[in-house]
């Protein structure tokens, strides 16, 4: 309940800043767990987050929650779990935030899972397996974007990439960014924009 209260304060802050969407890992602690999630934790988190999502909707803010891989949370790791979480929340407004970096660790059919999640997808984040440019890695980003668009997704698409060169040492250590997959952020962003535009154009 204290977590839900903190999230409501963040909703108010988002509204005050003029934002219309709030993303993040809002359902539990971030960080590698040493044990599985306690019994009932998912249902409790879903109920609390659903209530906050309804409150956010009343403020004109869409609320999403990000699905992370097993090394960053024990609660929700797959798109299927996220869909079940939305259903358990009882909210018609809670939405899912999928990140292809995390999906590359957990999913056996990334494109299929993105397509299946589109009805409750609120944010599609593109991240390559090596955290660098979208053209260099094991994720077929183009296929993911095309599948989402073909399934009717018209929400936001974002890019996430990390390089030790552009992060503080503390942030790099927290995220286990030991290398420099890129040095030119503007070029990396331009490449991602072009990829999405080509997918939109068909």
N, C-alpha and C. Protein backbone atom coordinates (compact mmCIF):
# COMPACT_ATOMS: atom_id res chain seq x y z
N UNK A 1 0.83 -1.21 0.00
CA UNK A 1 0.00 0.00 0.00
C UNK A 1 0.86 1.26 0.00
N UNK A 2 2.00 1.20 0.69
CA UNK A 2 2.91 2.35 0.65
C UNK A 2 3.45 2.56 -0.76
N UNK A 3 3.71 1.45 -1.45
CA UNK A 3 4.16 1.56 -2.83
C UNK A 3 3.10 2.19 -3.71
N UNK A 4 1.84 1.79 -3.51
CA UNK A 4 0.75 2.37 -4.30
C UNK A 4 0.59 3.85 -4.01
N UNK A 5 0.77 4.23 -2.76
CA UNK A 5 0.71 5.66 -2.41
C UNK A 5 1.82 6.43 -3.10
N UNK A 6 3.02 5.85 -3.15
CA UNK A 6 4.14 6.51 -3.83
C UNK A 6 3.84 6.65 -5.33
N UNK A 7 3.24 5.61 -5.91
CA UNK A 7 2.90 5.68 -7.33
C UNK A 7 1.86 6.76 -7.60
N UNK A 8 0.92 6.93 -6.69
CA UNK A 8 -0.08 8.00 -6.87
C UNK A 8 0.59 9.37 -6.84
N UNK A 9 1.59 9.52 -5.98
CA UNK A 9 2.32 10.79 -5.97
C UNK A 9 3.06 10.99 -7.29
N UNK A 10 3.58 9.91 -7.86
CA UNK A 10 4.25 10.01 -9.15
C UNK A 10 3.27 10.35 -10.27
N UNK A 11 2.05 9.84 -10.16
CA UNK A 11 1.01 10.20 -11.13
C UNK A 11 0.74 11.70 -11.06
N UNK A 12 0.62 12.21 -9.85
CA UNK A 12 0.38 13.65 -9.68
C UNK A 12 1.55 14.46 -10.24
N UNK A 13 2.76 13.99 -10.03
CA UNK A 13 3.94 14.69 -10.56
C UNK A 13 3.94 14.65 -12.08
N UNK A 14 3.58 13.50 -12.64
CA UNK A 14 3.51 13.38 -14.10
C UNK A 14 2.50 14.37 -14.67
N UNK A 15 1.34 14.45 -14.02
CA UNK A 15 0.31 15.39 -14.46
C UNK A 15 0.80 16.83 -14.36
N UNK A 16 1.49 17.15 -13.26
CA UNK A 16 1.99 18.51 -13.06
C UNK A 16 3.02 18.88 -14.12
N UNK A 17 3.75 17.89 -14.59
CA UNK A 17 4.77 18.13 -15.62
C UNK A 17 4.18 18.16 -17.03
N UNK A 18 2.88 17.84 -17.14
CA UNK A 18 2.25 17.84 -18.44
C UNK A 18 2.37 16.52 -19.18
N UNK A 19 2.76 15.47 -18.49
CA UNK A 19 2.91 14.17 -19.13
C UNK A 19 1.58 13.46 -19.29
N UNK A 20 1.54 12.52 -20.24
CA UNK A 20 0.32 11.75 -20.44
C UNK A 20 0.55 10.25 -20.38
N UNK A 21 1.78 9.85 -20.00
CA UNK A 21 2.06 8.42 -19.85
C UNK A 21 3.14 8.23 -18.79
N UNK A 22 2.96 7.18 -17.98
CA UNK A 22 3.93 6.88 -16.92
C UNK A 22 4.35 5.43 -17.05
N UNK A 23 5.63 5.21 -17.31
CA UNK A 23 6.17 3.87 -17.51
C UNK A 23 7.10 3.51 -16.37
N UNK A 24 7.40 2.22 -16.26
CA UNK A 24 8.41 1.83 -15.29
C UNK A 24 8.15 0.46 -14.69
N UNK A 25 9.02 0.10 -13.77
CA UNK A 25 8.91 -1.17 -13.06
C UNK A 25 8.15 -0.88 -11.77
N UNK A 26 6.83 -0.79 -11.89
CA UNK A 26 5.99 -0.27 -10.81
C UNK A 26 5.35 -1.36 -9.96
N UNK A 27 5.62 -2.62 -10.27
CA UNK A 27 4.92 -3.73 -9.60
C UNK A 27 5.74 -4.40 -8.50
N UNK A 28 7.01 -4.05 -8.37
CA UNK A 28 7.84 -4.70 -7.35
C UNK A 28 9.24 -4.16 -7.39
N UNK A 29 10.09 -4.76 -6.60
CA UNK A 29 11.46 -4.30 -6.49
C UNK A 29 12.25 -4.63 -7.75
N UNK A 30 13.14 -3.72 -8.11
CA UNK A 30 14.06 -3.94 -9.22
C UNK A 30 15.33 -4.54 -8.67
N UNK A 31 15.82 -5.57 -9.33
CA UNK A 31 17.09 -6.18 -8.92
C UNK A 31 16.98 -7.68 -8.86
N UNK A 32 18.09 -8.35 -8.98
CA UNK A 32 18.11 -9.81 -8.99
C UNK A 32 17.66 -10.36 -7.65
N UNK A 33 16.71 -11.27 -7.70
CA UNK A 33 16.19 -11.88 -6.47
C UNK A 33 16.91 -13.18 -6.19
N UNK A 34 17.01 -13.53 -4.92
CA UNK A 34 17.65 -14.79 -4.55
C UNK A 34 16.62 -15.90 -4.38
N UNK A 35 15.33 -15.54 -4.37
CA UNK A 35 14.26 -16.53 -4.26
C UNK A 35 13.12 -16.15 -5.21
N UNK A 36 12.22 -17.10 -5.43
CA UNK A 36 11.05 -16.82 -6.26
C UNK A 36 10.13 -15.84 -5.54
N UNK A 37 9.24 -15.21 -6.31
CA UNK A 37 8.29 -14.27 -5.72
C UNK A 37 7.42 -14.99 -4.70
N UNK A 38 7.13 -14.37 -3.55
CA UNK A 38 6.29 -15.00 -2.53
C UNK A 38 4.89 -15.32 -3.06
N UNK A 39 4.27 -16.32 -2.48
CA UNK A 39 2.91 -16.69 -2.87
C UNK A 39 1.98 -15.49 -2.71
N UNK A 40 1.19 -15.24 -3.73
CA UNK A 40 0.22 -14.16 -3.67
C UNK A 40 0.76 -12.80 -4.06
N UNK A 41 2.07 -12.70 -4.25
CA UNK A 41 2.67 -11.39 -4.54
C UNK A 41 2.17 -10.82 -5.85
N UNK A 42 2.02 -11.66 -6.87
CA UNK A 42 1.59 -11.17 -8.18
C UNK A 42 0.16 -10.63 -8.10
N UNK A 43 -0.73 -11.37 -7.45
CA UNK A 43 -2.12 -10.92 -7.35
C UNK A 43 -2.23 -9.64 -6.53
N UNK A 44 -1.46 -9.55 -5.45
CA UNK A 44 -1.49 -8.32 -4.64
C UNK A 44 -0.99 -7.13 -5.44
N UNK A 45 0.12 -7.32 -6.16
CA UNK A 45 0.68 -6.24 -6.96
C UNK A 45 -0.29 -5.84 -8.07
N UNK A 46 -0.94 -6.82 -8.69
CA UNK A 46 -1.87 -6.53 -9.78
C UNK A 46 -3.04 -5.69 -9.28
N UNK A 47 -3.59 -6.05 -8.14
CA UNK A 47 -4.73 -5.30 -7.60
C UNK A 47 -4.34 -3.86 -7.29
N UNK A 48 -3.19 -3.68 -6.68
CA UNK A 48 -2.74 -2.33 -6.32
C UNK A 48 -2.45 -1.51 -7.58
N UNK A 49 -1.79 -2.12 -8.54
CA UNK A 49 -1.41 -1.39 -9.74
C UNK A 49 -2.64 -1.06 -10.59
N UNK A 50 -3.60 -1.97 -10.60
CA UNK A 50 -4.84 -1.69 -11.32
C UNK A 50 -5.55 -0.47 -10.77
N UNK A 51 -5.59 -0.35 -9.45
CA UNK A 51 -6.23 0.81 -8.83
C UNK A 51 -5.48 2.09 -9.16
N UNK A 52 -4.15 2.03 -9.17
CA UNK A 52 -3.36 3.21 -9.52
C UNK A 52 -3.57 3.57 -10.99
N UNK A 53 -3.66 2.57 -11.86
CA UNK A 53 -3.87 2.83 -13.28
C UNK A 53 -5.21 3.52 -13.51
N UNK A 54 -6.23 3.12 -12.76
CA UNK A 54 -7.53 3.78 -12.88
C UNK A 54 -7.44 5.23 -12.41
N UNK A 55 -6.71 5.45 -11.31
CA UNK A 55 -6.50 6.81 -10.82
C UNK A 55 -5.75 7.64 -11.86
N UNK A 56 -4.72 7.04 -12.47
CA UNK A 56 -3.95 7.75 -13.49
C UNK A 56 -4.83 8.10 -14.69
N UNK A 57 -5.67 7.18 -15.08
CA UNK A 57 -6.57 7.43 -16.21
C UNK A 57 -7.46 8.63 -15.94
N UNK A 58 -7.93 8.75 -14.71
CA UNK A 58 -8.76 9.90 -14.34
C UNK A 58 -8.00 11.21 -14.45
N UNK A 59 -6.67 11.13 -14.37
CA UNK A 59 -5.83 12.31 -14.50
C UNK A 59 -5.35 12.52 -15.95
N UNK A 60 -5.84 11.69 -16.86
CA UNK A 60 -5.42 11.80 -18.26
C UNK A 60 -4.08 11.18 -18.55
N UNK A 61 -3.67 10.22 -17.70
CA UNK A 61 -2.36 9.59 -17.84
C UNK A 61 -2.51 8.09 -18.05
N UNK A 62 -1.85 7.58 -19.06
CA UNK A 62 -1.83 6.14 -19.30
C UNK A 62 -0.69 5.53 -18.49
N UNK A 63 -0.97 4.45 -17.77
CA UNK A 63 0.05 3.82 -16.95
C UNK A 63 0.43 2.46 -17.52
N UNK A 64 1.71 2.24 -17.70
CA UNK A 64 2.22 0.96 -18.18
C UNK A 64 3.20 0.39 -17.16
N UNK A 65 3.47 -0.89 -17.28
CA UNK A 65 4.50 -1.51 -16.44
C UNK A 65 5.43 -2.32 -17.34
N UNK A 66 6.73 -2.24 -17.07
CA UNK A 66 7.71 -2.89 -17.92
C UNK A 66 8.00 -4.32 -17.46
N UNK A 67 8.05 -5.22 -18.43
CA UNK A 67 8.39 -6.62 -18.17
C UNK A 67 9.91 -6.76 -18.29
N UNK A 68 10.53 -7.29 -17.23
CA UNK A 68 11.99 -7.43 -17.20
C UNK A 68 12.40 -8.90 -17.23
N UNK A 69 13.65 -9.14 -17.58
CA UNK A 69 14.13 -10.53 -17.58
C UNK A 69 14.41 -11.01 -16.16
N UNK A 70 14.67 -12.29 -16.04
CA UNK A 70 14.81 -12.97 -14.74
C UNK A 70 15.93 -12.41 -13.88
N UNK A 71 16.91 -11.77 -14.50
CA UNK A 71 18.04 -11.25 -13.73
C UNK A 71 17.74 -9.89 -13.11
N UNK A 72 16.58 -9.32 -13.44
CA UNK A 72 16.24 -7.99 -12.92
C UNK A 72 14.97 -7.98 -12.09
N UNK A 73 14.19 -9.04 -12.13
CA UNK A 73 13.03 -9.17 -11.24
C UNK A 73 12.58 -10.62 -11.22
N UNK A 74 11.95 -11.02 -10.11
CA UNK A 74 11.40 -12.37 -10.01
C UNK A 74 9.90 -12.39 -10.25
N UNK A 75 9.29 -11.23 -10.47
CA UNK A 75 7.83 -11.17 -10.49
C UNK A 75 7.23 -11.42 -11.88
N UNK A 76 7.63 -10.63 -12.87
CA UNK A 76 7.08 -10.74 -14.22
C UNK A 76 8.21 -10.77 -15.23
N UNK A 77 8.29 -11.85 -16.00
CA UNK A 77 9.40 -11.99 -16.95
C UNK A 77 8.96 -12.19 -18.39
N UNK A 78 7.70 -12.51 -18.63
CA UNK A 78 7.26 -12.79 -20.00
C UNK A 78 6.03 -11.98 -20.36
N UNK A 79 5.80 -11.87 -21.66
CA UNK A 79 4.63 -11.15 -22.14
C UNK A 79 3.34 -11.86 -21.70
N UNK A 80 3.35 -13.18 -21.69
CA UNK A 80 2.17 -13.93 -21.24
C UNK A 80 1.85 -13.62 -19.78
N UNK A 81 2.89 -13.56 -18.95
CA UNK A 81 2.68 -13.19 -17.54
C UNK A 81 2.11 -11.78 -17.44
N UNK A 82 2.59 -10.90 -18.29
CA UNK A 82 2.10 -9.52 -18.27
C UNK A 82 0.62 -9.45 -18.64
N UNK A 83 0.22 -10.21 -19.63
CA UNK A 83 -1.19 -10.22 -20.02
C UNK A 83 -2.06 -10.75 -18.88
N UNK A 84 -1.59 -11.80 -18.22
CA UNK A 84 -2.32 -12.34 -17.07
C UNK A 84 -2.39 -11.31 -15.94
N UNK A 85 -1.31 -10.56 -15.77
CA UNK A 85 -1.25 -9.53 -14.73
C UNK A 85 -2.29 -8.45 -15.00
N UNK A 86 -2.41 -8.02 -16.25
CA UNK A 86 -3.42 -7.02 -16.60
C UNK A 86 -4.81 -7.57 -16.29
N UNK A 87 -5.06 -8.81 -16.66
CA UNK A 87 -6.37 -9.41 -16.40
C UNK A 87 -6.65 -9.47 -14.90
N UNK A 88 -5.63 -9.81 -14.11
CA UNK A 88 -5.80 -9.92 -12.66
C UNK A 88 -5.97 -8.56 -11.99
N UNK A 89 -5.54 -7.49 -12.68
CA UNK A 89 -5.59 -6.16 -12.07
C UNK A 89 -7.02 -5.63 -11.95
N UNK A 90 -7.91 -6.13 -12.79
CA UNK A 90 -9.27 -5.63 -12.78
C UNK A 90 -9.42 -4.26 -13.40
N UNK A 91 -8.36 -3.74 -14.00
CA UNK A 91 -8.39 -2.40 -14.59
C UNK A 91 -8.52 -2.48 -16.10
N UNK A 92 -9.35 -1.61 -16.65
CA UNK A 92 -9.45 -1.51 -18.10
C UNK A 92 -8.41 -0.56 -18.67
N UNK A 93 -7.56 0.00 -17.78
CA UNK A 93 -6.64 1.06 -18.22
C UNK A 93 -5.17 0.70 -18.08
N UNK A 94 -4.83 -0.34 -17.34
CA UNK A 94 -3.44 -0.73 -17.17
C UNK A 94 -2.90 -1.31 -18.47
N UNK A 95 -1.70 -0.88 -18.85
CA UNK A 95 -1.10 -1.32 -20.10
C UNK A 95 0.31 -1.88 -19.88
N UNK A 96 0.76 -2.66 -20.87
CA UNK A 96 2.04 -3.37 -20.79
C UNK A 96 3.12 -2.60 -21.55
N UNK A 97 4.31 -2.64 -21.01
CA UNK A 97 5.51 -2.07 -21.63
C UNK A 97 6.44 -3.24 -21.94
N UNK A 98 6.60 -3.56 -23.23
CA UNK A 98 7.49 -4.62 -23.66
C UNK A 98 8.80 -4.05 -24.16
N UNK A 99 9.88 -4.71 -23.78
CA UNK A 99 11.24 -4.30 -24.15
C UNK A 99 11.91 -5.48 -24.84
N UNK A 100 12.31 -5.31 -26.09
CA UNK A 100 12.86 -6.44 -26.84
C UNK A 100 14.18 -6.95 -26.27
N UNK A 101 14.91 -6.12 -25.53
CA UNK A 101 16.13 -6.61 -24.88
C UNK A 101 15.79 -7.70 -23.88
N UNK A 102 14.80 -7.43 -23.03
CA UNK A 102 14.40 -8.42 -22.03
C UNK A 102 13.71 -9.61 -22.69
N UNK A 103 12.94 -9.35 -23.74
CA UNK A 103 12.25 -10.44 -24.43
C UNK A 103 13.25 -11.41 -25.07
N UNK A 104 14.40 -10.90 -25.49
CA UNK A 104 15.41 -11.76 -26.11
C UNK A 104 15.93 -12.80 -25.13
N UNK A 105 15.86 -12.51 -23.84
CA UNK A 105 16.29 -13.46 -22.82
C UNK A 105 15.20 -14.49 -22.54
N UNK A 106 13.94 -14.05 -22.53
CA UNK A 106 12.86 -14.87 -22.00
C UNK A 106 11.94 -15.53 -23.02
N UNK A 107 11.76 -14.95 -24.19
CA UNK A 107 10.71 -15.42 -25.10
C UNK A 107 11.25 -16.40 -26.15
N UNK A 108 10.44 -17.39 -26.47
CA UNK A 108 10.79 -18.31 -27.56
C UNK A 108 10.23 -17.83 -28.90
N UNK A 109 9.21 -16.97 -28.86
CA UNK A 109 8.61 -16.42 -30.07
C UNK A 109 8.31 -14.94 -29.82
N UNK A 110 9.34 -14.12 -29.94
CA UNK A 110 9.19 -12.71 -29.61
C UNK A 110 8.13 -12.04 -30.46
N UNK A 111 8.17 -12.28 -31.76
CA UNK A 111 7.21 -11.64 -32.66
C UNK A 111 5.79 -12.05 -32.30
N UNK A 112 5.57 -13.33 -32.06
CA UNK A 112 4.25 -13.80 -31.69
C UNK A 112 3.75 -13.22 -30.38
N UNK A 113 4.64 -13.08 -29.42
CA UNK A 113 4.25 -12.52 -28.13
C UNK A 113 3.93 -11.04 -28.22
N UNK A 114 4.68 -10.32 -29.03
CA UNK A 114 4.37 -8.90 -29.26
C UNK A 114 2.99 -8.79 -29.89
N UNK A 115 2.75 -9.60 -30.91
CA UNK A 115 1.46 -9.57 -31.60
C UNK A 115 0.31 -9.90 -30.62
N UNK A 116 0.51 -10.88 -29.77
CA UNK A 116 -0.54 -11.28 -28.83
C UNK A 116 -0.80 -10.21 -27.77
N UNK A 117 0.18 -9.38 -27.50
CA UNK A 117 0.07 -8.38 -26.44
C UNK A 117 -0.49 -7.06 -26.93
N UNK A 118 -0.56 -6.85 -28.23
CA UNK A 118 -0.99 -5.56 -28.78
C UNK A 118 -2.28 -5.03 -28.17
N UNK A 119 -3.30 -5.86 -27.89
CA UNK A 119 -4.53 -5.30 -27.30
C UNK A 119 -4.32 -4.58 -25.97
N UNK A 120 -3.26 -4.93 -25.23
CA UNK A 120 -2.99 -4.26 -23.95
C UNK A 120 -1.61 -3.62 -23.93
N UNK A 121 -1.01 -3.44 -25.12
CA UNK A 121 0.34 -2.86 -25.20
C UNK A 121 0.26 -1.34 -25.18
N UNK A 122 1.01 -0.74 -24.26
CA UNK A 122 1.01 0.71 -24.16
C UNK A 122 2.34 1.34 -24.53
N UNK A 123 3.39 0.54 -24.60
CA UNK A 123 4.71 1.08 -24.95
C UNK A 123 5.57 -0.05 -25.48
N UNK A 124 6.13 0.13 -26.66
CA UNK A 124 7.04 -0.85 -27.26
C UNK A 124 8.43 -0.26 -27.27
N UNK A 125 9.30 -0.89 -26.52
CA UNK A 125 10.68 -0.40 -26.39
C UNK A 125 11.62 -1.30 -27.16
N UNK A 126 12.41 -0.70 -28.03
CA UNK A 126 13.34 -1.44 -28.86
C UNK A 126 14.72 -1.39 -28.24
N UNK A 127 15.23 -2.56 -27.89
CA UNK A 127 16.57 -2.68 -27.34
C UNK A 127 17.25 -3.88 -27.95
N UNK A 128 18.46 -3.71 -28.40
CA UNK A 128 19.18 -4.81 -29.05
C UNK A 128 19.85 -5.68 -27.99
N UNK A 129 20.20 -6.90 -28.35
CA UNK A 129 20.77 -7.86 -27.40
C UNK A 129 22.05 -7.35 -26.75
N UNK A 130 22.84 -6.58 -27.47
CA UNK A 130 24.08 -6.06 -26.92
C UNK A 130 23.98 -4.65 -26.38
N UNK A 131 22.74 -4.12 -26.31
CA UNK A 131 22.46 -2.79 -25.77
C UNK A 131 22.93 -1.65 -26.67
N UNK A 132 23.35 -1.99 -27.89
CA UNK A 132 23.85 -0.96 -28.79
C UNK A 132 22.90 -0.67 -29.94
N UNK A 133 23.44 -0.36 -31.13
CA UNK A 133 22.61 -0.04 -32.29
C UNK A 133 21.63 -1.16 -32.63
N UNK A 134 20.46 -0.81 -33.12
CA UNK A 134 19.44 -1.80 -33.42
C UNK A 134 19.85 -2.72 -34.57
N UNK A 135 20.78 -2.29 -35.39
CA UNK A 135 21.22 -3.10 -36.53
C UNK A 135 22.27 -4.14 -36.16
N UNK A 136 22.74 -4.11 -34.91
CA UNK A 136 23.83 -5.00 -34.51
C UNK A 136 23.43 -5.83 -33.30
N UNK A 137 22.94 -7.05 -33.54
CA UNK A 137 22.55 -7.92 -32.45
C UNK A 137 21.65 -9.04 -32.92
N UNK A 138 21.14 -9.81 -31.99
CA UNK A 138 20.36 -11.00 -32.33
C UNK A 138 18.86 -10.75 -32.43
N UNK A 139 18.39 -9.56 -32.06
CA UNK A 139 16.96 -9.25 -32.13
C UNK A 139 16.60 -8.75 -33.52
N UNK A 140 15.58 -9.36 -34.13
CA UNK A 140 15.07 -8.91 -35.42
C UNK A 140 14.09 -7.77 -35.15
N UNK A 141 14.63 -6.59 -34.93
CA UNK A 141 13.82 -5.44 -34.51
C UNK A 141 12.80 -5.08 -35.59
N UNK A 142 13.20 -5.15 -36.84
CA UNK A 142 12.30 -4.82 -37.93
C UNK A 142 11.06 -5.72 -37.91
N UNK A 143 11.27 -7.01 -37.69
CA UNK A 143 10.14 -7.96 -37.65
C UNK A 143 9.21 -7.65 -36.48
N UNK A 144 9.78 -7.26 -35.35
CA UNK A 144 8.97 -6.93 -34.18
C UNK A 144 8.10 -5.71 -34.45
N UNK A 145 8.70 -4.66 -34.99
CA UNK A 145 7.94 -3.44 -35.26
C UNK A 145 6.85 -3.71 -36.29
N UNK A 146 7.17 -4.42 -37.34
CA UNK A 146 6.17 -4.72 -38.37
C UNK A 146 5.03 -5.56 -37.80
N UNK A 147 5.35 -6.52 -36.95
CA UNK A 147 4.31 -7.36 -36.36
C UNK A 147 3.38 -6.53 -35.48
N UNK A 148 3.95 -5.62 -34.69
CA UNK A 148 3.13 -4.77 -33.83
C UNK A 148 2.21 -3.89 -34.65
N UNK A 149 2.75 -3.27 -35.68
CA UNK A 149 1.94 -2.39 -36.53
C UNK A 149 0.86 -3.17 -37.28
N UNK A 150 1.23 -4.34 -37.79
CA UNK A 150 0.26 -5.16 -38.51
C UNK A 150 -0.88 -5.62 -37.61
N UNK A 151 -0.59 -5.77 -36.30
CA UNK A 151 -1.60 -6.20 -35.34
C UNK A 151 -2.44 -5.03 -34.83
N UNK A 152 -2.15 -3.83 -35.31
CA UNK A 152 -2.95 -2.67 -34.95
C UNK A 152 -2.37 -1.75 -33.91
N UNK A 153 -1.11 -1.98 -33.51
CA UNK A 153 -0.50 -1.11 -32.50
C UNK A 153 -0.23 0.28 -33.06
N UNK A 154 -0.68 1.29 -32.35
CA UNK A 154 -0.47 2.68 -32.77
C UNK A 154 0.07 3.52 -31.62
N UNK A 155 0.63 2.86 -30.64
CA UNK A 155 1.17 3.58 -29.48
C UNK A 155 2.61 4.01 -29.68
N UNK A 156 3.23 4.40 -28.59
CA UNK A 156 4.60 4.89 -28.65
C UNK A 156 5.60 3.75 -28.87
N UNK A 157 6.66 4.10 -29.60
CA UNK A 157 7.79 3.20 -29.81
C UNK A 157 9.03 3.94 -29.33
N UNK A 158 9.80 3.29 -28.47
CA UNK A 158 10.99 3.93 -27.92
C UNK A 158 12.25 3.14 -28.20
N UNK A 159 13.37 3.74 -27.94
CA UNK A 159 14.68 3.12 -28.12
C UNK A 159 15.42 3.17 -26.79
N UNK A 160 16.04 2.04 -26.43
CA UNK A 160 16.89 2.03 -25.24
C UNK A 160 18.23 1.40 -25.61
N UNK A 161 19.28 2.14 -25.37
CA UNK A 161 20.63 1.64 -25.62
C UNK A 161 21.55 2.22 -24.57
N UNK A 162 22.56 1.47 -24.19
CA UNK A 162 23.47 1.91 -23.14
C UNK A 162 24.91 1.76 -23.60
N UNK A 163 25.73 2.67 -23.15
CA UNK A 163 27.16 2.60 -23.40
C UNK A 163 27.87 3.20 -22.20
N UNK A 164 28.91 2.56 -21.76
CA UNK A 164 29.62 3.06 -20.57
C UNK A 164 30.14 4.48 -20.80
N UNK A 165 30.38 4.81 -22.05
CA UNK A 165 30.92 6.13 -22.39
C UNK A 165 29.95 7.25 -22.00
N UNK A 166 28.65 6.99 -22.08
CA UNK A 166 27.67 8.06 -21.88
C UNK A 166 26.94 7.97 -20.54
N UNK A 167 27.22 6.94 -19.74
CA UNK A 167 26.58 6.79 -18.44
C UNK A 167 27.57 7.11 -17.32
N UNK A 168 27.04 7.42 -16.17
CA UNK A 168 27.91 7.55 -15.01
C UNK A 168 28.43 6.16 -14.63
N UNK A 169 29.50 6.11 -13.90
CA UNK A 169 30.05 4.83 -13.47
C UNK A 169 29.04 4.07 -12.60
N UNK A 170 28.30 4.80 -11.75
CA UNK A 170 27.32 4.17 -10.87
C UNK A 170 26.20 3.52 -11.68
N UNK A 171 25.68 4.24 -12.68
CA UNK A 171 24.61 3.69 -13.51
C UNK A 171 25.12 2.52 -14.34
N UNK A 172 26.31 2.64 -14.86
CA UNK A 172 26.90 1.56 -15.65
C UNK A 172 27.05 0.29 -14.83
N UNK A 173 27.52 0.45 -13.61
CA UNK A 173 27.70 -0.72 -12.73
C UNK A 173 26.36 -1.35 -12.39
N UNK A 174 25.36 -0.52 -12.09
CA UNK A 174 24.03 -1.03 -11.73
C UNK A 174 23.43 -1.84 -12.86
N UNK A 175 23.62 -1.37 -14.11
CA UNK A 175 23.03 -2.02 -15.27
C UNK A 175 23.96 -3.03 -15.94
N UNK A 176 25.13 -3.24 -15.36
CA UNK A 176 26.13 -4.18 -15.90
C UNK A 176 26.54 -3.79 -17.33
N UNK A 177 26.79 -2.51 -17.52
CA UNK A 177 27.26 -2.01 -18.81
C UNK A 177 28.78 -1.86 -18.72
N UNK A 178 29.48 -2.87 -19.21
CA UNK A 178 30.94 -2.88 -19.06
C UNK A 178 31.65 -2.43 -20.34
N UNK A 179 30.91 -2.32 -21.43
CA UNK A 179 31.53 -1.99 -22.72
C UNK A 179 30.93 -0.71 -23.29
N UNK A 180 31.36 -0.35 -24.49
CA UNK A 180 30.87 0.82 -25.20
C UNK A 180 30.33 0.38 -26.56
N UNK A 181 29.08 -0.13 -26.60
CA UNK A 181 28.51 -0.60 -27.86
C UNK A 181 28.33 0.51 -28.89
N UNK A 182 28.30 1.76 -28.44
CA UNK A 182 28.22 2.87 -29.38
C UNK A 182 28.87 4.10 -28.75
N UNK A 183 29.24 5.03 -29.61
CA UNK A 183 29.84 6.27 -29.13
C UNK A 183 29.09 7.50 -29.62
N UNK A 184 28.21 7.31 -30.61
CA UNK A 184 27.47 8.43 -31.20
C UNK A 184 25.98 8.21 -30.99
N UNK A 185 25.43 8.83 -29.97
CA UNK A 185 24.03 8.66 -29.65
C UNK A 185 23.09 9.19 -30.71
N UNK A 186 23.46 10.30 -31.34
CA UNK A 186 22.60 10.89 -32.37
C UNK A 186 22.49 9.95 -33.58
N UNK A 187 23.60 9.34 -33.96
CA UNK A 187 23.57 8.40 -35.08
C UNK A 187 22.75 7.17 -34.74
N UNK A 188 22.87 6.70 -33.52
CA UNK A 188 22.10 5.54 -33.07
C UNK A 188 20.60 5.83 -33.11
N UNK A 189 20.20 7.02 -32.64
CA UNK A 189 18.79 7.40 -32.65
C UNK A 189 18.27 7.56 -34.08
N UNK A 190 19.08 8.16 -34.94
CA UNK A 190 18.66 8.36 -36.33
C UNK A 190 18.42 7.03 -37.03
N UNK A 191 19.27 6.06 -36.76
CA UNK A 191 19.10 4.73 -37.34
C UNK A 191 17.79 4.10 -36.87
N UNK A 192 17.47 4.24 -35.59
CA UNK A 192 16.24 3.68 -35.04
C UNK A 192 15.01 4.35 -35.65
N UNK A 193 15.06 5.66 -35.80
CA UNK A 193 13.94 6.39 -36.40
C UNK A 193 13.71 5.92 -37.82
N UNK A 194 14.77 5.75 -38.57
CA UNK A 194 14.64 5.29 -39.95
C UNK A 194 14.03 3.89 -40.01
N UNK A 195 14.44 3.02 -39.10
CA UNK A 195 13.90 1.66 -39.07
C UNK A 195 12.39 1.69 -38.83
N UNK A 196 11.95 2.48 -37.87
CA UNK A 196 10.52 2.55 -37.56
C UNK A 196 9.74 3.16 -38.72
N UNK A 197 10.29 4.19 -39.33
CA UNK A 197 9.60 4.82 -40.46
C UNK A 197 9.45 3.87 -41.64
N UNK A 198 10.46 3.07 -41.89
CA UNK A 198 10.38 2.09 -42.98
C UNK A 198 9.31 1.05 -42.67
N UNK A 199 9.24 0.64 -41.42
CA UNK A 199 8.22 -0.34 -41.02
C UNK A 199 6.83 0.25 -41.19
N UNK A 200 6.66 1.50 -40.83
CA UNK A 200 5.37 2.17 -40.98
C UNK A 200 4.97 2.29 -42.44
N UNK A 201 5.97 2.50 -43.29
CA UNK A 201 5.70 2.66 -44.71
C UNK A 201 5.37 1.33 -45.39
N UNK A 202 5.65 0.23 -44.66
CA UNK A 202 5.33 -1.08 -45.22
C UNK A 202 6.44 -1.65 -46.05
